[in-house]
């Protein structure tokens, strides 16, 4: 493992259903604080994480780098919430630096679609920092479009509200490599 780039090692396990903010111990919250700071540049207080509008439900996922399910092995997080009758809102989607660009986002996107389409969710909505071109490109390739500029949404710059159909994404080679 590269100590300067946590998560750069080959991930053994992958995405699992995740806890909601209200279910988290202090150790989990501190791990998520670090993940948010490293992934977004935003600092979140314990209470602000616990009060995020994320229910305990099938639309939450956590990425782990081993068979362990503990805060130290978490490498990513996808928290969602029902927004409207047919719309899911992505509340938070973040991967640590070592897990980005390896197809893990695409995998969990498809898992989210598989989980929520049968429940009647056909649209997806989220907010993203306007300067996060990589994330905007990720969402555009999945059919989302910028609907609105969000001034003052982020402490450090403007954001966008993006919306689109909740649909599978089938890339050519955008999946993590696994040894057989």
N, C-alpha and C. Protein backbone atom coordinates (compact mmCIF):
# COMPACT_ATOMS: atom_id res chain seq x y z
N UNK A 1 0.85 -1.18 0.00
CA UNK A 1 0.00 0.00 0.00
C UNK A 1 0.89 1.23 0.00
N UNK A 2 0.55 2.23 -0.80
CA UNK A 2 1.25 3.51 -0.85
C UNK A 2 0.70 4.40 0.25
N UNK A 3 1.52 4.68 1.27
CA UNK A 3 1.05 5.47 2.42
C UNK A 3 0.65 6.88 2.03
N UNK A 4 1.19 7.39 0.93
CA UNK A 4 0.85 8.75 0.49
C UNK A 4 -0.40 8.79 -0.36
N UNK A 5 -0.91 7.65 -0.75
CA UNK A 5 -2.07 7.59 -1.62
C UNK A 5 -2.97 6.45 -1.17
N UNK A 6 -3.65 6.63 -0.02
CA UNK A 6 -4.49 5.53 0.47
C UNK A 6 -5.52 5.11 -0.57
N UNK A 7 -5.69 3.83 -0.70
CA UNK A 7 -6.66 3.31 -1.67
C UNK A 7 -6.03 2.98 -3.00
N UNK A 8 -4.70 3.24 -3.16
CA UNK A 8 -4.07 2.99 -4.45
C UNK A 8 -3.83 1.50 -4.69
N UNK A 9 -3.87 0.71 -3.63
CA UNK A 9 -3.71 -0.73 -3.79
C UNK A 9 -4.95 -1.32 -4.46
N UNK A 10 -4.79 -2.51 -5.02
CA UNK A 10 -5.91 -3.16 -5.68
C UNK A 10 -6.98 -3.47 -4.63
N UNK A 11 -8.19 -3.09 -4.92
CA UNK A 11 -9.28 -3.32 -3.98
C UNK A 11 -9.72 -4.78 -4.04
N UNK A 12 -9.83 -5.38 -2.86
CA UNK A 12 -10.19 -6.80 -2.76
C UNK A 12 -11.69 -7.02 -2.80
N UNK A 13 -12.45 -6.11 -2.26
CA UNK A 13 -13.86 -6.38 -2.07
C UNK A 13 -14.76 -5.54 -2.96
N UNK A 14 -14.91 -4.27 -2.67
CA UNK A 14 -15.77 -3.42 -3.49
C UNK A 14 -16.89 -2.78 -2.70
N UNK A 15 -17.97 -2.49 -3.42
CA UNK A 15 -19.11 -1.77 -2.85
C UNK A 15 -20.01 -2.71 -2.06
N UNK A 16 -20.50 -2.19 -0.94
CA UNK A 16 -21.50 -2.89 -0.12
C UNK A 16 -22.57 -1.88 0.27
N UNK A 17 -23.72 -2.38 0.65
CA UNK A 17 -24.76 -1.47 1.14
C UNK A 17 -24.20 -0.72 2.33
N UNK A 18 -24.48 0.59 2.38
CA UNK A 18 -23.89 1.44 3.39
C UNK A 18 -24.86 1.88 4.46
N UNK A 19 -24.27 2.32 5.54
CA UNK A 19 -25.03 2.87 6.66
C UNK A 19 -25.52 4.27 6.33
N UNK A 20 -26.59 4.69 6.97
CA UNK A 20 -27.03 6.08 6.85
C UNK A 20 -26.26 6.91 7.87
N UNK A 21 -26.21 8.24 7.71
CA UNK A 21 -25.47 9.07 8.66
C UNK A 21 -25.91 8.88 10.12
N UNK A 22 -27.19 8.66 10.32
CA UNK A 22 -27.71 8.53 11.67
C UNK A 22 -27.26 7.24 12.35
N UNK A 23 -26.80 6.26 11.58
CA UNK A 23 -26.37 4.97 12.12
C UNK A 23 -24.89 4.94 12.48
N UNK A 24 -24.16 6.01 12.22
CA UNK A 24 -22.71 5.99 12.31
C UNK A 24 -22.18 6.27 13.72
N UNK A 25 -21.14 5.53 14.08
CA UNK A 25 -20.40 5.82 15.31
C UNK A 25 -19.44 6.99 15.03
N UNK A 26 -18.81 7.48 16.08
CA UNK A 26 -17.86 8.58 15.92
C UNK A 26 -16.69 8.17 15.02
N UNK A 27 -16.20 6.93 15.12
CA UNK A 27 -15.11 6.48 14.25
C UNK A 27 -15.51 6.55 12.78
N UNK A 28 -16.74 6.12 12.46
CA UNK A 28 -17.22 6.20 11.08
C UNK A 28 -17.31 7.65 10.62
N UNK A 29 -17.86 8.50 11.46
CA UNK A 29 -18.03 9.91 11.09
C UNK A 29 -16.68 10.56 10.83
N UNK A 30 -15.69 10.26 11.66
CA UNK A 30 -14.36 10.83 11.45
C UNK A 30 -13.74 10.34 10.14
N UNK A 31 -13.95 9.07 9.80
CA UNK A 31 -13.45 8.55 8.52
C UNK A 31 -14.14 9.25 7.36
N UNK A 32 -15.43 9.51 7.49
CA UNK A 32 -16.17 10.20 6.43
C UNK A 32 -15.76 11.66 6.36
N UNK A 33 -15.48 12.29 7.48
CA UNK A 33 -14.96 13.66 7.47
C UNK A 33 -13.67 13.73 6.65
N UNK A 34 -12.76 12.79 6.88
CA UNK A 34 -11.49 12.76 6.13
C UNK A 34 -11.74 12.54 4.64
N UNK A 35 -12.66 11.62 4.33
CA UNK A 35 -12.98 11.33 2.93
C UNK A 35 -13.56 12.57 2.25
N UNK A 36 -14.48 13.26 2.91
CA UNK A 36 -15.08 14.48 2.35
C UNK A 36 -14.02 15.56 2.15
N UNK A 37 -13.16 15.76 3.14
CA UNK A 37 -12.15 16.80 3.04
C UNK A 37 -11.19 16.51 1.89
N UNK A 38 -10.72 15.27 1.81
CA UNK A 38 -9.79 14.90 0.74
C UNK A 38 -10.47 14.92 -0.63
N UNK A 39 -11.71 14.47 -0.69
CA UNK A 39 -12.40 14.34 -1.96
C UNK A 39 -13.06 15.60 -2.47
N UNK A 40 -13.46 16.49 -1.55
CA UNK A 40 -14.21 17.68 -1.97
C UNK A 40 -13.60 19.00 -1.52
N UNK A 41 -12.69 18.93 -0.56
CA UNK A 41 -12.14 20.16 -0.01
C UNK A 41 -13.05 20.81 1.02
N UNK A 42 -14.18 20.20 1.29
CA UNK A 42 -15.15 20.75 2.24
C UNK A 42 -14.96 20.09 3.61
N UNK A 43 -14.99 20.91 4.65
CA UNK A 43 -14.94 20.40 6.02
C UNK A 43 -16.35 20.28 6.56
N UNK A 44 -16.66 19.12 7.10
CA UNK A 44 -17.97 18.88 7.69
C UNK A 44 -17.81 18.59 9.17
N UNK A 45 -18.67 19.16 9.98
CA UNK A 45 -18.69 18.88 11.40
C UNK A 45 -19.47 17.59 11.65
N UNK A 46 -19.22 16.98 12.79
CA UNK A 46 -19.91 15.74 13.14
C UNK A 46 -21.42 15.90 13.01
N UNK A 47 -21.96 16.96 13.60
CA UNK A 47 -23.41 17.18 13.55
C UNK A 47 -23.93 17.41 12.15
N UNK A 48 -23.13 18.03 11.27
CA UNK A 48 -23.60 18.27 9.91
C UNK A 48 -23.66 16.96 9.12
N UNK A 49 -22.76 16.03 9.41
CA UNK A 49 -22.81 14.73 8.75
C UNK A 49 -24.01 13.94 9.26
N UNK A 50 -24.20 13.93 10.58
CA UNK A 50 -25.31 13.17 11.17
C UNK A 50 -26.67 13.69 10.73
N UNK A 51 -26.74 14.98 10.38
CA UNK A 51 -28.04 15.55 10.00
C UNK A 51 -28.29 15.56 8.50
N UNK A 52 -27.40 14.97 7.71
CA UNK A 52 -27.65 14.89 6.27
C UNK A 52 -28.95 14.13 6.03
N UNK A 53 -29.74 14.58 5.05
CA UNK A 53 -31.06 13.96 4.80
C UNK A 53 -30.95 12.65 4.03
N UNK A 54 -30.34 11.66 4.68
CA UNK A 54 -30.13 10.36 4.05
C UNK A 54 -30.78 9.30 4.93
N UNK A 55 -31.81 8.64 4.42
CA UNK A 55 -32.47 7.60 5.22
C UNK A 55 -31.68 6.29 5.20
N UNK A 56 -32.05 5.39 6.07
CA UNK A 56 -31.55 4.02 6.03
C UNK A 56 -32.35 3.32 4.94
N UNK A 57 -31.69 3.02 3.80
CA UNK A 57 -32.41 2.38 2.69
C UNK A 57 -31.43 1.77 1.70
N UNK A 58 -31.94 1.16 0.65
CA UNK A 58 -31.14 0.40 -0.30
C UNK A 58 -30.30 1.26 -1.23
N UNK A 59 -30.44 2.59 -1.19
CA UNK A 59 -29.70 3.47 -2.09
C UNK A 59 -28.39 3.98 -1.51
N UNK A 60 -27.91 3.40 -0.42
CA UNK A 60 -26.64 3.83 0.19
C UNK A 60 -25.59 2.75 0.02
N UNK A 61 -24.37 3.16 -0.36
CA UNK A 61 -23.28 2.22 -0.60
C UNK A 61 -21.98 2.76 -0.02
N UNK A 62 -21.11 1.84 0.41
CA UNK A 62 -19.76 2.18 0.86
C UNK A 62 -18.78 1.27 0.13
N UNK A 63 -17.64 1.83 -0.26
CA UNK A 63 -16.59 1.09 -0.95
C UNK A 63 -15.51 0.70 0.06
N UNK A 64 -15.17 -0.60 0.08
CA UNK A 64 -14.15 -1.10 0.99
C UNK A 64 -13.01 -1.74 0.22
N UNK A 65 -11.80 -1.66 0.79
CA UNK A 65 -10.62 -2.19 0.12
C UNK A 65 -10.24 -3.58 0.60
N UNK A 66 -11.06 -4.18 1.44
CA UNK A 66 -10.76 -5.51 1.95
C UNK A 66 -12.06 -6.17 2.39
N UNK A 67 -11.93 -7.35 2.96
CA UNK A 67 -13.11 -8.02 3.48
C UNK A 67 -13.62 -7.36 4.75
N UNK A 68 -12.77 -6.55 5.37
CA UNK A 68 -13.15 -5.84 6.59
C UNK A 68 -14.23 -4.80 6.28
N UNK A 69 -15.11 -4.62 7.22
CA UNK A 69 -16.12 -3.58 7.10
C UNK A 69 -15.93 -2.65 8.30
N UNK A 70 -14.92 -1.81 8.19
CA UNK A 70 -14.64 -0.86 9.26
C UNK A 70 -14.21 0.47 8.65
N UNK A 71 -14.19 1.52 9.46
CA UNK A 71 -13.88 2.85 8.91
C UNK A 71 -12.52 2.93 8.22
N UNK A 72 -11.54 2.18 8.70
CA UNK A 72 -10.19 2.26 8.11
C UNK A 72 -10.12 1.66 6.71
N UNK A 73 -11.04 0.76 6.37
CA UNK A 73 -11.00 0.13 5.05
C UNK A 73 -11.97 0.77 4.06
N UNK A 74 -12.68 1.82 4.47
CA UNK A 74 -13.63 2.50 3.58
C UNK A 74 -12.87 3.41 2.61
N UNK A 75 -13.18 3.29 1.33
CA UNK A 75 -12.52 4.09 0.29
C UNK A 75 -13.49 4.96 -0.51
N UNK A 76 -14.78 4.78 -0.28
CA UNK A 76 -15.75 5.59 -1.02
C UNK A 76 -17.12 5.51 -0.38
N UNK A 77 -17.98 6.42 -0.82
CA UNK A 77 -19.30 6.55 -0.22
C UNK A 77 -20.28 7.08 -1.26
N UNK A 78 -21.45 6.47 -1.34
CA UNK A 78 -22.55 6.99 -2.13
C UNK A 78 -23.78 7.01 -1.23
N UNK A 79 -24.24 8.21 -0.91
CA UNK A 79 -25.46 8.38 -0.12
C UNK A 79 -26.52 9.00 -0.99
N UNK A 80 -27.72 8.44 -0.96
CA UNK A 80 -28.83 8.95 -1.75
C UNK A 80 -30.07 9.06 -0.88
N UNK A 81 -31.09 9.70 -1.43
CA UNK A 81 -32.36 9.82 -0.72
C UNK A 81 -33.49 9.95 -1.73
N UNK A 82 -34.66 9.39 -1.39
CA UNK A 82 -35.83 9.64 -2.24
C UNK A 82 -36.08 11.15 -2.25
N UNK A 83 -36.32 11.69 -3.43
CA UNK A 83 -36.49 13.15 -3.54
C UNK A 83 -37.92 13.51 -3.91
N UNK A 84 -38.39 12.92 -4.96
CA UNK A 84 -39.78 13.06 -5.38
C UNK A 84 -40.27 11.65 -5.66
N UNK A 85 -41.51 11.53 -6.03
CA UNK A 85 -42.10 10.20 -6.22
C UNK A 85 -41.25 9.32 -7.13
N UNK A 86 -40.67 9.89 -8.19
CA UNK A 86 -39.92 9.08 -9.14
C UNK A 86 -38.45 9.49 -9.26
N UNK A 87 -37.96 10.28 -8.30
CA UNK A 87 -36.61 10.84 -8.39
C UNK A 87 -35.80 10.51 -7.14
N UNK A 88 -34.57 10.09 -7.37
CA UNK A 88 -33.62 9.88 -6.29
C UNK A 88 -32.61 11.03 -6.33
N UNK A 89 -32.23 11.51 -5.18
CA UNK A 89 -31.23 12.58 -5.08
C UNK A 89 -29.93 11.99 -4.56
N UNK A 90 -28.85 12.24 -5.25
CA UNK A 90 -27.54 11.86 -4.75
C UNK A 90 -27.10 12.95 -3.78
N UNK A 91 -26.98 12.58 -2.52
CA UNK A 91 -26.62 13.53 -1.47
C UNK A 91 -25.10 13.65 -1.39
N UNK A 92 -24.40 12.54 -1.53
CA UNK A 92 -22.94 12.56 -1.48
C UNK A 92 -22.39 11.38 -2.26
N UNK A 93 -21.39 11.65 -3.09
CA UNK A 93 -20.73 10.61 -3.87
C UNK A 93 -19.26 10.98 -3.91
N UNK A 94 -18.43 10.24 -3.18
CA UNK A 94 -17.01 10.59 -3.09
C UNK A 94 -16.17 9.32 -2.98
N UNK A 95 -15.03 9.34 -3.67
CA UNK A 95 -14.05 8.26 -3.62
C UNK A 95 -12.72 8.87 -3.18
N UNK A 96 -11.92 8.10 -2.45
CA UNK A 96 -10.61 8.63 -2.12
C UNK A 96 -9.75 8.65 -3.39
N UNK A 97 -8.62 9.37 -3.33
CA UNK A 97 -7.79 9.58 -4.52
C UNK A 97 -7.34 8.28 -5.16
N UNK A 98 -7.00 7.29 -4.36
CA UNK A 98 -6.52 6.03 -4.91
C UNK A 98 -7.58 5.19 -5.59
N UNK A 99 -8.85 5.45 -5.31
CA UNK A 99 -9.94 4.67 -5.90
C UNK A 99 -10.53 5.34 -7.15
N UNK A 100 -10.19 6.61 -7.38
CA UNK A 100 -10.75 7.32 -8.53
C UNK A 100 -10.13 6.86 -9.84
N UNK A 101 -10.94 6.90 -10.90
CA UNK A 101 -10.43 6.59 -12.23
C UNK A 101 -10.24 5.10 -12.48
N UNK A 102 -10.78 4.25 -11.62
CA UNK A 102 -10.59 2.81 -11.75
C UNK A 102 -11.89 2.07 -12.03
N UNK A 103 -12.97 2.80 -12.29
CA UNK A 103 -14.24 2.16 -12.62
C UNK A 103 -15.16 1.92 -11.44
N UNK A 104 -14.72 2.23 -10.22
CA UNK A 104 -15.55 1.98 -9.05
C UNK A 104 -16.81 2.84 -9.04
N UNK A 105 -16.73 4.06 -9.55
CA UNK A 105 -17.91 4.91 -9.65
C UNK A 105 -18.94 4.33 -10.60
N UNK A 106 -18.48 3.80 -11.72
CA UNK A 106 -19.39 3.18 -12.70
C UNK A 106 -20.07 1.95 -12.12
N UNK A 107 -19.32 1.17 -11.36
CA UNK A 107 -19.90 -0.04 -10.77
C UNK A 107 -21.03 0.32 -9.82
N UNK A 108 -20.79 1.27 -8.93
CA UNK A 108 -21.83 1.61 -7.96
C UNK A 108 -22.99 2.34 -8.62
N UNK A 109 -22.72 3.09 -9.67
CA UNK A 109 -23.81 3.74 -10.41
C UNK A 109 -24.78 2.67 -10.91
N UNK A 110 -24.23 1.62 -11.52
CA UNK A 110 -25.09 0.55 -12.05
C UNK A 110 -25.78 -0.21 -10.92
N UNK A 111 -25.11 -0.39 -9.79
CA UNK A 111 -25.76 -1.04 -8.65
C UNK A 111 -26.92 -0.20 -8.15
N UNK A 112 -26.73 1.12 -8.12
CA UNK A 112 -27.81 2.02 -7.70
C UNK A 112 -29.00 1.89 -8.64
N UNK A 113 -28.73 1.90 -9.94
CA UNK A 113 -29.80 1.75 -10.93
C UNK A 113 -30.53 0.42 -10.74
N UNK A 114 -29.78 -0.67 -10.61
CA UNK A 114 -30.39 -1.99 -10.42
C UNK A 114 -31.26 -2.04 -9.16
N UNK A 115 -30.85 -1.33 -8.13
CA UNK A 115 -31.58 -1.34 -6.86
C UNK A 115 -32.85 -0.49 -6.92
N UNK A 116 -32.76 0.68 -7.58
CA UNK A 116 -33.85 1.66 -7.46
C UNK A 116 -34.83 1.70 -8.63
N UNK A 117 -34.42 1.30 -9.82
CA UNK A 117 -35.38 1.29 -10.95
C UNK A 117 -36.59 0.42 -10.65
N UNK A 118 -36.41 -0.80 -10.11
CA UNK A 118 -37.59 -1.63 -9.82
C UNK A 118 -38.51 -1.00 -8.76
N UNK A 119 -37.98 -0.08 -7.97
CA UNK A 119 -38.79 0.59 -6.96
C UNK A 119 -39.50 1.83 -7.51
N UNK A 120 -39.34 2.11 -8.82
CA UNK A 120 -40.05 3.20 -9.45
C UNK A 120 -39.28 4.50 -9.57
N UNK A 121 -38.01 4.50 -9.20
CA UNK A 121 -37.20 5.71 -9.36
C UNK A 121 -36.62 5.71 -10.77
N UNK A 122 -37.02 6.71 -11.57
CA UNK A 122 -36.59 6.77 -12.96
C UNK A 122 -35.74 8.00 -13.26
N UNK A 123 -35.68 8.93 -12.32
CA UNK A 123 -34.88 10.14 -12.49
C UNK A 123 -33.87 10.26 -11.36
N UNK A 124 -32.80 10.99 -11.62
CA UNK A 124 -31.77 11.23 -10.62
C UNK A 124 -31.40 12.71 -10.65
N UNK A 125 -31.14 13.26 -9.49
CA UNK A 125 -30.77 14.68 -9.36
C UNK A 125 -29.64 14.79 -8.34
N UNK A 126 -28.76 15.77 -8.53
CA UNK A 126 -27.65 15.98 -7.62
C UNK A 126 -27.12 17.39 -7.75
N UNK A 127 -26.24 17.73 -6.82
CA UNK A 127 -25.52 18.99 -6.87
C UNK A 127 -24.03 18.65 -6.99
N UNK A 128 -23.31 19.43 -7.78
CA UNK A 128 -21.88 19.20 -7.99
C UNK A 128 -21.18 20.55 -8.09
N UNK A 129 -19.96 20.60 -7.57
CA UNK A 129 -19.16 21.82 -7.65
C UNK A 129 -18.87 22.12 -9.12
N UNK A 130 -19.06 23.34 -9.54
CA UNK A 130 -18.86 23.72 -10.95
C UNK A 130 -17.43 23.48 -11.41
N UNK A 131 -16.48 23.54 -10.50
CA UNK A 131 -15.08 23.34 -10.85
C UNK A 131 -14.70 21.86 -10.94
N UNK A 132 -15.59 20.96 -10.58
CA UNK A 132 -15.30 19.53 -10.59
C UNK A 132 -15.63 18.94 -11.97
N UNK A 133 -14.77 19.25 -12.93
CA UNK A 133 -15.01 18.85 -14.32
C UNK A 133 -15.06 17.34 -14.49
N UNK A 134 -14.26 16.63 -13.71
CA UNK A 134 -14.25 15.16 -13.82
C UNK A 134 -15.61 14.58 -13.42
N UNK A 135 -16.18 15.09 -12.32
CA UNK A 135 -17.49 14.60 -11.87
C UNK A 135 -18.58 15.00 -12.87
N UNK A 136 -18.53 16.22 -13.37
CA UNK A 136 -19.53 16.68 -14.34
C UNK A 136 -19.50 15.79 -15.58
N UNK A 137 -18.30 15.46 -16.05
CA UNK A 137 -18.17 14.57 -17.20
C UNK A 137 -18.72 13.19 -16.89
N UNK A 138 -18.43 12.66 -15.69
CA UNK A 138 -18.96 11.37 -15.26
C UNK A 138 -20.48 11.38 -15.34
N UNK A 139 -21.11 12.41 -14.80
CA UNK A 139 -22.58 12.47 -14.79
C UNK A 139 -23.15 12.69 -16.19
N UNK A 140 -22.49 13.50 -17.01
CA UNK A 140 -22.98 13.72 -18.38
C UNK A 140 -22.96 12.43 -19.19
N UNK A 141 -21.92 11.61 -19.02
CA UNK A 141 -21.87 10.35 -19.78
C UNK A 141 -22.96 9.39 -19.33
N UNK A 142 -23.59 9.68 -18.21
CA UNK A 142 -24.71 8.86 -17.72
C UNK A 142 -26.06 9.53 -17.97
N UNK A 143 -26.05 10.59 -18.79
CA UNK A 143 -27.30 11.20 -19.23
C UNK A 143 -27.79 12.40 -18.43
N UNK A 144 -27.04 12.84 -17.44
CA UNK A 144 -27.46 14.00 -16.66
C UNK A 144 -27.01 15.28 -17.36
N UNK A 145 -27.78 16.33 -17.18
CA UNK A 145 -27.44 17.64 -17.74
C UNK A 145 -27.57 18.70 -16.66
N UNK A 146 -26.81 19.75 -16.81
CA UNK A 146 -26.89 20.88 -15.88
C UNK A 146 -28.23 21.57 -16.08
N UNK A 147 -28.95 21.74 -14.98
CA UNK A 147 -30.26 22.38 -15.01
C UNK A 147 -30.23 23.80 -14.45
N UNK A 148 -29.28 24.04 -13.53
CA UNK A 148 -29.30 25.31 -12.82
C UNK A 148 -27.93 25.58 -12.20
N UNK A 149 -27.53 26.86 -12.17
CA UNK A 149 -26.34 27.28 -11.43
C UNK A 149 -26.74 27.51 -9.98
N UNK A 150 -25.87 27.11 -9.07
CA UNK A 150 -26.14 27.25 -7.64
C UNK A 150 -25.09 28.17 -7.03
N UNK A 151 -25.40 29.44 -6.93
CA UNK A 151 -24.48 30.40 -6.33
C UNK A 151 -24.59 30.32 -4.81
N UNK A 152 -23.44 30.22 -4.14
CA UNK A 152 -23.42 30.15 -2.68
C UNK A 152 -23.73 28.78 -2.11
N UNK A 153 -23.88 27.77 -2.95
CA UNK A 153 -24.19 26.43 -2.47
C UNK A 153 -22.97 25.82 -1.77
N UNK A 154 -21.80 26.03 -2.37
CA UNK A 154 -20.55 25.55 -1.79
C UNK A 154 -19.80 26.73 -1.19
N UNK A 155 -19.05 26.45 -0.13
CA UNK A 155 -18.24 27.51 0.48
C UNK A 155 -17.20 28.04 -0.49
N UNK A 156 -16.67 27.14 -1.32
CA UNK A 156 -15.58 27.51 -2.22
C UNK A 156 -16.03 27.45 -3.68
N UNK A 157 -16.95 28.32 -4.06
CA UNK A 157 -17.31 28.40 -5.46
C UNK A 157 -18.73 27.97 -5.78
N UNK A 158 -19.05 28.15 -7.04
CA UNK A 158 -20.39 27.88 -7.54
C UNK A 158 -20.60 26.38 -7.74
N UNK A 159 -21.87 25.97 -7.71
CA UNK A 159 -22.24 24.60 -8.00
C UNK A 159 -23.26 24.54 -9.11
N UNK A 160 -23.55 23.34 -9.55
CA UNK A 160 -24.59 23.09 -10.53
C UNK A 160 -25.56 22.06 -9.97
N UNK A 161 -26.83 22.20 -10.34
CA UNK A 161 -27.80 21.14 -10.11
C UNK A 161 -27.91 20.40 -11.44
N UNK A 162 -27.70 19.08 -11.37
CA UNK A 162 -27.79 18.25 -12.57
C UNK A 162 -28.94 17.27 -12.39
N UNK A 163 -29.56 16.90 -13.51
CA UNK A 163 -30.71 16.01 -13.47
C UNK A 163 -30.74 15.19 -14.75
N UNK A 164 -31.26 13.97 -14.65
CA UNK A 164 -31.41 13.12 -15.83
C UNK A 164 -32.13 11.84 -15.48
N UNK A 165 -32.23 10.97 -16.47
CA UNK A 165 -32.86 9.66 -16.28
C UNK A 165 -31.90 8.76 -15.50
N UNK A 166 -32.44 7.96 -14.60
CA UNK A 166 -31.66 6.95 -13.89
C UNK A 166 -31.54 5.75 -14.82
N UNK A 167 -30.33 5.54 -15.34
CA UNK A 167 -30.14 4.48 -16.33
C UNK A 167 -28.78 3.84 -16.19
N UNK A 168 -28.68 2.59 -16.65
CA UNK A 168 -27.43 1.85 -16.64
C UNK A 168 -26.40 2.55 -17.50
N UNK A 169 -25.14 2.39 -17.13
CA UNK A 169 -24.03 2.88 -17.93
C UNK A 169 -23.18 1.67 -18.30
N UNK A 170 -22.93 1.47 -19.59
CA UNK A 170 -22.15 0.33 -20.06
C UNK A 170 -20.92 0.82 -20.80
N UNK A 171 -19.82 1.00 -20.06
CA UNK A 171 -18.58 1.47 -20.69
C UNK A 171 -17.86 0.34 -21.42
N UNK A 172 -16.90 0.71 -22.23
CA UNK A 172 -16.10 -0.30 -22.92
C UNK A 172 -15.16 -1.00 -21.94
N UNK A 173 -14.35 -0.23 -21.23
CA UNK A 173 -13.38 -0.84 -20.33
C UNK A 173 -13.30 -0.07 -19.02
N UNK A 174 -14.40 0.31 -18.48
CA UNK A 174 -14.42 1.15 -17.29
C UNK A 174 -14.80 0.35 -16.05
N UNK A 175 -14.15 -0.80 -15.87
CA UNK A 175 -14.40 -1.60 -14.68
C UNK A 175 -13.08 -1.97 -14.06
N UNK A 176 -13.03 -2.12 -12.75
CA UNK A 176 -11.76 -2.47 -12.10
C UNK A 176 -11.22 -3.81 -12.60
N UNK A 177 -9.90 -3.87 -12.64
CA UNK A 177 -9.26 -5.10 -13.06
C UNK A 177 -9.22 -6.07 -11.90
N UNK A 178 -9.58 -7.31 -12.17
CA UNK A 178 -9.52 -8.36 -11.16
C UNK A 178 -8.66 -9.48 -11.69
N UNK A 179 -7.83 -10.02 -10.83
CA UNK A 179 -7.01 -11.15 -11.23
C UNK A 179 -7.86 -12.41 -11.14
N UNK A 180 -7.75 -13.27 -12.15
CA UNK A 180 -8.50 -14.53 -12.12
C UNK A 180 -7.71 -15.62 -11.47
